[in-house]
Amino acid sequence: MANLRVLKKEIDYRLEELVFDCDMAIYFQPAKVEDIFAIMEQGVQLRNALYTQANNPAEPHNPSLVRKHYAALRQQMDASFGELFEKLSEVNK
């Protein structure tokens, strides 16, 4: 189960990075606070959804399917947080 623990730490790390970048954006762009807060809220909702998916694999007794589930979850995490960082970049232009 070490992989699950590492996956959850990665999810939290990505959220921390997003929140830190949003805080910096608020500091430099105080006029766009509402847009930046919306991105932060989306990040928190994404984190909660990813945790739910990580804690509830479809077939917990089949190791092969569990590995595939976590691999797909990692790809989803990369893509979703990437989209949020792109949104933040668009707000900062």
Protein backbone atom coordinates (compact mmCIF):
# COMPACT_ATOMS: atom_id res chain seq x y z
CA MET A 1 0.00 0.00 0.00
CA ALA A 2 2.99 2.30 -0.15
CA ASN A 3 1.92 3.32 -3.65
CA LEU A 4 -1.39 4.62 -2.36
CA ARG A 5 0.38 6.70 0.27
CA VAL A 6 2.77 8.12 -2.34
CA LEU A 7 -0.12 8.86 -4.69
CA LYS A 8 -1.97 10.79 -1.99
CA LYS A 9 1.18 12.75 -1.19
CA GLU A 10 1.54 13.63 -4.89
CA ILE A 11 -2.06 14.82 -5.01
CA ASP A 12 -1.51 17.02 -1.95
CA TYR A 13 1.78 18.33 -3.34
CA ARG A 14 0.13 19.37 -6.62
CA LEU A 15 -2.64 21.13 -4.70
CA GLU A 16 -0.10 22.93 -2.52
CA GLU A 17 1.76 24.13 -5.62
CA LEU A 18 -1.47 25.34 -7.19
CA VAL A 19 -2.51 27.21 -4.05
CA PHE A 20 0.95 28.77 -3.72
CA ASP A 21 0.87 29.93 -7.34
CA CYS A 22 -2.64 31.31 -6.82
CA ASP A 23 -1.46 33.22 -3.74
CA MET A 24 1.37 34.73 -5.74
CA ALA A 25 -1.04 35.62 -8.55
CA ILE A 26 -3.35 37.36 -6.06
CA TYR A 27 -0.40 39.35 -4.76
CA PHE A 28 0.55 40.56 -8.24
CA GLN A 29 -2.97 40.77 -9.73
CA PRO A 30 -5.31 41.98 -6.96
CA ALA A 31 -7.98 42.93 -9.51
CA LYS A 32 -8.46 39.28 -10.51
CA VAL A 33 -9.02 37.83 -7.04
CA GLU A 34 -12.39 36.22 -7.84
CA ASP A 35 -11.06 34.38 -10.90
CA ILE A 36 -8.06 33.12 -8.97
CA PHE A 37 -10.19 31.98 -6.03
CA ALA A 38 -12.39 30.06 -8.48
CA ILE A 39 -9.30 28.19 -9.70
CA MET A 40 -8.32 27.44 -6.10
CA GLU A 41 -11.79 26.05 -5.39
CA GLN A 42 -11.58 23.87 -8.49
CA GLY A 43 -8.22 22.58 -7.23
CA VAL A 44 -9.68 21.63 -3.85
CA GLN A 45 -12.64 19.91 -5.50
CA LEU A 46 -10.26 18.04 -7.78
CA ARG A 47 -8.17 16.94 -4.80
CA ASN A 48 -11.24 15.62 -3.00
CA ALA A 49 -12.42 13.76 -6.12
CA LEU A 50 -8.98 12.21 -6.64
CA TYR A 51 -8.82 11.10 -3.00
CA THR A 52 -12.23 9.47 -3.34
CA GLN A 53 -11.11 7.62 -6.45
CA ALA A 54 -7.82 6.60 -4.82
CA ASN A 55 -9.57 5.18 -1.76
CA ASN A 56 -12.15 3.23 -3.77
CA PRO A 57 -10.62 1.13 -6.56
CA ALA A 58 -13.15 -0.85 -8.61
CA GLU A 59 -11.75 -4.31 -7.86
CA PRO A 60 -9.72 -4.09 -4.62
CA HIS A 61 -8.94 -7.83 -4.60
CA ASN A 62 -7.43 -7.95 -8.09
CA PRO A 63 -3.87 -6.51 -7.95
CA SER A 64 -3.60 -6.14 -11.72
CA LEU A 65 -6.74 -4.01 -11.96
CA VAL A 66 -5.73 -1.99 -8.92
CA ARG A 67 -2.39 -1.11 -10.54
CA LYS A 68 -4.18 -0.10 -13.73
CA HIS A 69 -6.64 1.98 -11.71
CA TYR A 70 -3.83 3.89 -9.98
CA ALA A 71 -1.94 4.38 -13.24
CA ALA A 72 -5.05 5.86 -14.84
CA LEU A 73 -5.61 8.00 -11.74
CA ARG A 74 -2.06 9.35 -12.01
CA GLN A 75 -2.62 10.30 -15.64
CA GLN A 76 -5.90 11.97 -14.76
CA MET A 77 -4.18 13.88 -11.95
CA ASP A 78 -1.45 15.12 -14.29
CA ALA A 79 -3.93 16.24 -16.92
CA SER A 80 -6.38 17.87 -14.50
CA PHE A 81 -3.81 19.84 -12.53
CA GLY A 82 -2.14 20.80 -15.80
CA GLU A 83 -5.43 22.30 -16.98
CA LEU A 84 -5.78 24.27 -13.75
CA PHE A 85 -2.24 25.66 -14.09
CA GLU A 86 -3.04 26.64 -17.69
CA LYS A 87 -6.20 28.44 -16.50
CA LEU A 88 -4.12 30.31 -13.94
CA SER A 89 -1.66 31.29 -16.63
CA GLU A 90 -4.51 32.63 -18.78
CA VAL A 91 -5.82 34.70 -15.86
CA ASN A 92 -2.35 36.18 -15.29
CA LYS A 93 -1.88 37.41 -18.86
